[in-house]
Amino acid sequence: MALRFFLIFFICISSFFSFSISGQDNVSIREYSKEFITYPYSDANPIPSFGKTYPYYRYDGFTSSSEKRLWKIVEIENEWLKIQVFPEIGGKIWSVVDKLSGKEMFYGNNVVKFRDVSLRGPWTSGGIEFNYGVVGHSPSSSFPVDYLLEKKSNGSVSCYINTLDLLTRTYWTVEINLPADKGWFTTRSFWHNKTGLFQPYYNWVNTGVKAKNDLRFIYPVQTSYNTMEKVFHGLWILSIIKTCHNGVI
């Protein structure tokens, strides 16, 4: 009887550990390069501008002619989601694919098309973009940032992106974490001011989605603000989206 109990106990424990190990193996992280049609920008203006972007150089030249270019991709993936991060374009989450449906959760752009939108000039649409600093699309939004990859003891994987913002001399870091056994991912932000001086506390996340006639944006908001500091109620957001039938918001 004791031997039978021991064998049943051993089988249960073995099954538990086998399940735990296989669960951890269901999540992966890898780096590779992929070719995208790219509309590049010019070399930097060699004359510094002593305005709101100093000490950054600005890029003023853009083109309607495309070229093929390799971009580095960090890909984290589990049974439900495949996430692509572009460390050479501000650490942007470029694509999130729901593997069960095969559809993009946001706007996965198949083209890298830079236009004069950000503080330094170049900006491209799509995905999830992280902005820290003074105002608008931050100086790092279309430029390389540092990154670090980690496999955690709980089975999840993380991609950390970070850089030094020269306008404020502050460091920001975003952790993009994908659990091994969940159909969602999380982001965690850390912003460090070591200057000893007061600095602007400006942070926003810009997310692109494909706008169609059937698009609905549901968010539990009671009051919204625009850049002119006028107050609108939550229906204001819905009214904007209803007017955007084509393109990306």
Protein backbone atom coordinates (compact mmCIF):
# COMPACT_ATOMS: atom_id res chain seq x y z
CA MET A 1 0.00 0.00 0.00
CA ALA A 2 2.82 2.35 0.93
CA LEU A 3 4.65 1.50 -2.30
CA ARG A 4 1.50 2.20 -4.34
CA PHE A 5 1.03 5.55 -2.63
CA PHE A 6 4.67 6.43 -3.27
CA LEU A 7 4.37 5.57 -6.97
CA ILE A 8 1.20 7.68 -7.37
CA PHE A 9 2.87 10.57 -5.53
CA PHE A 10 6.00 10.27 -7.71
CA ILE A 11 3.93 10.27 -10.93
CA CYS A 12 1.99 13.36 -9.82
CA ILE A 13 5.16 15.25 -8.89
CA SER A 14 6.83 14.25 -12.17
CA SER A 15 3.81 15.41 -14.15
CA PHE A 16 3.78 18.72 -12.31
CA PHE A 17 7.44 19.45 -13.02
CA SER A 18 7.10 18.31 -16.63
CA PHE A 19 4.20 20.72 -17.07
CA SER A 20 6.14 23.57 -15.45
CA ILE A 21 9.20 23.04 -17.64
CA SER A 22 7.20 22.73 -20.84
CA GLY A 23 5.24 25.83 -19.85
CA GLN A 24 8.46 27.76 -19.51
CA ASP A 25 9.68 26.46 -22.89
CA ASN A 26 6.56 27.86 -24.57
CA VAL A 27 7.99 31.37 -24.47
CA SER A 28 10.99 32.41 -26.54
CA ILE A 29 13.07 35.45 -27.32
CA ARG A 30 15.33 35.95 -30.33
CA GLU A 31 17.10 38.59 -32.40
CA TYR A 32 17.29 38.79 -36.17
CA SER A 33 17.25 41.25 -39.07
CA LYS A 34 14.41 41.71 -41.55
CA GLU A 35 14.18 43.69 -44.77
CA PHE A 36 11.59 46.47 -45.00
CA ILE A 37 10.77 48.95 -47.71
CA THR A 38 12.11 52.16 -46.18
CA TYR A 39 11.73 55.85 -47.00
CA PRO A 40 14.86 57.24 -45.33
CA TYR A 41 15.78 60.70 -44.12
CA SER A 42 18.78 62.87 -44.90
CA ASP A 43 21.98 63.38 -42.95
CA ALA A 44 21.70 65.68 -39.98
CA ASN A 45 21.85 69.43 -40.36
CA PRO A 46 25.50 70.16 -39.41
CA ILE A 47 24.55 73.54 -37.95
CA PRO A 48 23.17 73.08 -34.41
CA SER A 49 19.92 74.78 -33.52
CA PHE A 50 20.06 76.46 -30.12
CA GLY A 51 16.36 75.93 -29.50
CA LYS A 52 14.22 73.32 -27.81
CA THR A 53 16.08 70.39 -29.44
CA TYR A 54 19.65 71.38 -28.49
CA PRO A 55 22.07 69.52 -28.13
CA TYR A 56 20.42 67.18 -30.67
CA TYR A 57 20.99 67.65 -34.38
CA ARG A 58 17.91 67.93 -36.54
CA TYR A 59 17.09 66.08 -39.78
CA ASP A 60 15.22 68.10 -42.38
CA GLY A 61 15.45 66.07 -45.60
CA PHE A 62 12.84 63.45 -46.55
CA THR A 63 12.17 61.54 -49.75
CA SER A 64 9.40 59.94 -51.78
CA SER A 65 11.83 57.32 -53.09
CA SER A 66 12.08 54.04 -51.21
CA GLU A 67 14.85 51.55 -50.70
CA LYS A 68 15.16 48.14 -49.07
CA ARG A 69 16.85 48.16 -45.69
CA LEU A 70 17.53 45.63 -42.97
CA TRP A 71 16.20 46.47 -39.49
CA LYS A 72 17.10 44.68 -36.28
CA ILE A 73 14.15 42.97 -34.59
CA VAL A 74 13.79 41.58 -31.08
CA GLU A 75 10.97 39.03 -31.13
CA ILE A 76 9.33 37.62 -28.00
CA GLU A 77 6.72 34.94 -28.45
CA ASN A 78 4.54 32.48 -26.57
CA GLU A 79 1.60 30.26 -27.51
CA TRP A 80 -0.74 33.24 -27.95
CA LEU A 81 1.28 36.32 -28.93
CA LYS A 82 4.20 37.25 -31.18
CA ILE A 83 5.69 40.66 -30.37
CA GLN A 84 8.31 42.50 -32.43
CA VAL A 85 10.38 45.32 -30.94
CA PHE A 86 12.51 47.63 -33.09
CA PRO A 87 15.48 48.85 -30.99
CA GLU A 88 16.77 50.92 -33.93
CA ILE A 89 13.50 52.91 -34.10
CA GLY A 90 13.14 54.14 -30.55
CA GLY A 91 12.46 50.70 -29.08
CA LYS A 92 8.98 50.82 -30.58
CA ILE A 93 6.74 47.76 -30.27
CA TRP A 94 6.33 47.42 -34.01
CA SER A 95 3.95 44.48 -34.17
CA VAL A 96 1.78 42.38 -31.84
CA VAL A 97 0.14 39.41 -33.55
CA ASP A 98 -2.66 37.38 -31.97
CA LYS A 99 -1.53 33.90 -33.04
CA LEU A 100 -4.98 32.36 -32.54
CA SER A 101 -6.56 34.67 -35.13
CA GLY A 102 -3.42 35.59 -37.05
CA LYS A 103 -4.38 39.27 -36.82
CA GLU A 104 -2.48 42.34 -35.67
CA MET A 105 -3.66 43.74 -32.36
CA PHE A 106 -2.52 47.25 -33.32
CA TYR A 107 -1.15 48.66 -36.59
CA GLY A 108 1.75 46.57 -37.85
CA ASN A 109 3.24 48.71 -40.59
CA ASN A 110 4.85 46.83 -43.49
CA VAL A 111 6.70 49.99 -44.56
CA VAL A 112 9.11 52.22 -42.63
CA LYS A 113 8.26 55.68 -43.92
CA PHE A 114 9.91 58.59 -42.12
CA ARG A 115 8.32 62.02 -42.20
CA ASP A 116 8.99 65.34 -40.44
CA VAL A 117 6.86 64.93 -37.32
CA SER A 118 9.07 64.49 -34.23
CA LEU A 119 11.23 67.00 -32.37
CA ARG A 120 14.29 65.95 -34.38
CA GLY A 121 12.29 65.45 -37.56
CA PRO A 122 11.99 61.74 -38.46
CA TRP A 123 8.93 59.81 -37.32
CA THR A 124 7.13 56.75 -38.67
CA SER A 125 3.68 55.40 -37.90
CA GLY A 126 2.53 52.12 -36.42
CA GLY A 127 2.90 50.02 -33.29
CA ILE A 128 3.39 51.38 -29.79
CA GLU A 129 5.82 54.25 -29.27
CA PHE A 130 7.28 55.38 -25.93
CA ASN A 131 7.96 59.08 -25.41
CA TYR A 132 9.80 60.78 -22.55
CA GLY A 133 11.26 64.25 -22.21
CA VAL A 134 9.92 67.72 -22.95
CA VAL A 135 7.09 67.59 -25.49
CA GLY A 136 5.78 65.73 -28.55
CA HIS A 137 7.40 62.73 -30.18
CA SER A 138 10.63 62.51 -28.21
CA PRO A 139 14.15 62.82 -29.71
CA SER A 140 14.65 59.06 -29.42
CA SER A 141 11.41 58.04 -31.16
CA SER A 142 13.08 57.14 -34.49
CA PHE A 143 16.66 56.51 -33.41
CA PRO A 144 18.55 53.58 -31.86
CA VAL A 145 18.17 52.94 -28.14
CA ASP A 146 19.90 50.48 -25.82
CA TYR A 147 18.20 47.20 -25.04
CA LEU A 148 18.64 44.19 -22.77
CA LEU A 149 17.01 40.75 -22.97
CA GLU A 150 16.15 38.65 -19.92
CA LYS A 151 14.62 35.25 -19.23
CA LYS A 152 13.06 35.39 -15.79
CA SER A 153 12.80 32.65 -13.16
CA ASN A 154 8.99 32.71 -13.43
CA GLY A 155 9.25 31.58 -17.08
CA SER A 156 8.47 34.95 -18.66
CA VAL A 157 10.79 36.91 -20.94
CA SER A 158 11.50 40.64 -21.00
CA CYS A 159 12.97 43.14 -23.41
CA TYR A 160 14.22 46.29 -21.69
CA ILE A 161 14.68 49.42 -23.80
CA ASN A 162 16.33 52.55 -22.46
CA THR A 163 18.31 55.65 -23.34
CA LEU A 164 19.59 58.95 -21.99
CA ASP A 165 17.44 61.96 -22.87
CA LEU A 166 19.94 64.75 -23.54
CA LEU A 167 17.34 67.52 -23.16
CA THR A 168 16.77 66.72 -19.49
CA ARG A 169 19.80 64.51 -18.73
CA THR A 170 17.44 61.83 -17.43
CA TYR A 171 17.37 58.10 -18.10
CA TRP A 172 14.22 56.20 -18.99
CA THR A 173 13.65 52.45 -19.20
CA VAL A 174 10.66 50.42 -20.36
CA GLU A 175 10.32 46.71 -19.61
CA ILE A 176 8.21 44.78 -22.14
CA ASN A 177 7.32 41.49 -20.45
CA LEU A 178 5.59 38.46 -21.96
CA PRO A 179 4.46 35.70 -19.56
CA ALA A 180 4.89 32.10 -20.63
CA ASP A 181 1.26 31.14 -20.08
CA LYS A 182 -0.78 34.29 -20.73
CA GLY A 183 -2.42 35.87 -23.77
CA TRP A 184 -1.31 39.37 -22.82
CA PHE A 185 1.89 41.35 -22.20
CA THR A 186 2.78 44.18 -19.84
CA THR A 187 4.97 47.27 -19.97
CA ARG A 188 6.63 48.79 -16.92
CA SER A 189 8.25 52.21 -16.99
CA PHE A 190 11.11 53.63 -14.91
CA TRP A 191 12.33 57.21 -15.33
CA HIS A 192 15.31 58.42 -13.32
CA ASN A 193 16.37 62.02 -12.76
CA LYS A 194 19.82 62.10 -11.20
CA THR A 195 20.58 65.73 -12.02
CA GLY A 196 19.45 67.16 -8.69
CA LEU A 197 17.37 69.71 -10.62
CA PHE A 198 13.69 69.92 -11.43
CA GLN A 199 12.96 68.46 -14.87
CA PRO A 200 9.81 68.25 -17.02
CA TYR A 201 7.72 65.19 -16.22
CA TYR A 202 6.38 64.50 -19.69
CA ASN A 203 5.55 60.98 -20.78
CA TRP A 204 3.07 59.55 -23.24
CA VAL A 205 2.61 56.36 -25.21
CA ASN A 206 1.51 56.70 -28.81
CA THR A 207 -0.35 53.67 -30.21
CA GLY A 208 -1.36 53.21 -33.84
CA VAL A 209 -4.45 51.26 -34.86
CA LYS A 210 -5.94 50.76 -38.30
CA ALA A 211 -9.03 52.93 -38.62
CA LYS A 212 -12.06 51.54 -40.45
CA ASN A 213 -15.76 52.32 -40.51
CA ASP A 214 -16.43 49.72 -37.83
CA LEU A 215 -13.71 50.92 -35.43
CA ARG A 216 -14.85 51.49 -31.85
CA PHE A 217 -12.58 52.88 -29.15
CA ILE A 218 -13.86 52.11 -25.65
CA TYR A 219 -12.07 53.68 -22.72
CA PRO A 220 -13.41 54.50 -19.24
CA VAL A 221 -12.77 58.23 -19.37
CA GLN A 222 -14.84 61.03 -17.88
CA THR A 223 -12.81 64.06 -18.94
CA SER A 224 -10.38 64.59 -21.81
CA TYR A 225 -8.00 67.42 -22.64
CA ASN A 226 -6.59 68.66 -25.91
CA THR A 227 -3.39 70.64 -26.42
CA MET A 228 -5.27 73.93 -26.11
CA GLU A 229 -6.21 72.99 -22.51
CA LYS A 230 -9.90 72.97 -23.32
CA VAL A 231 -11.99 70.44 -21.45
CA PHE A 232 -14.12 67.91 -23.29
CA HIS A 233 -16.16 64.98 -22.06
CA GLY A 234 -15.41 61.37 -22.99
CA LEU A 235 -17.67 61.48 -26.08
CA TRP A 236 -15.14 63.86 -27.63
CA ILE A 237 -12.75 60.93 -28.15
CA LEU A 238 -15.40 58.88 -29.89
CA SER A 239 -16.34 61.79 -32.14
CA ILE A 240 -12.74 62.09 -33.33
CA ILE A 241 -12.53 58.40 -34.18
CA LYS A 242 -15.81 58.45 -36.08
CA THR A 243 -14.34 61.09 -38.39
CA CYS A 244 -11.23 58.99 -39.07
CA HIS A 245 -12.50 56.30 -41.43
CA ASN A 246 -9.27 55.59 -43.27
CA GLY A 247 -5.65 55.65 -42.27
CA VAL A 248 -4.02 55.33 -38.88
CA ILE A 249 -4.71 57.05 -35.58
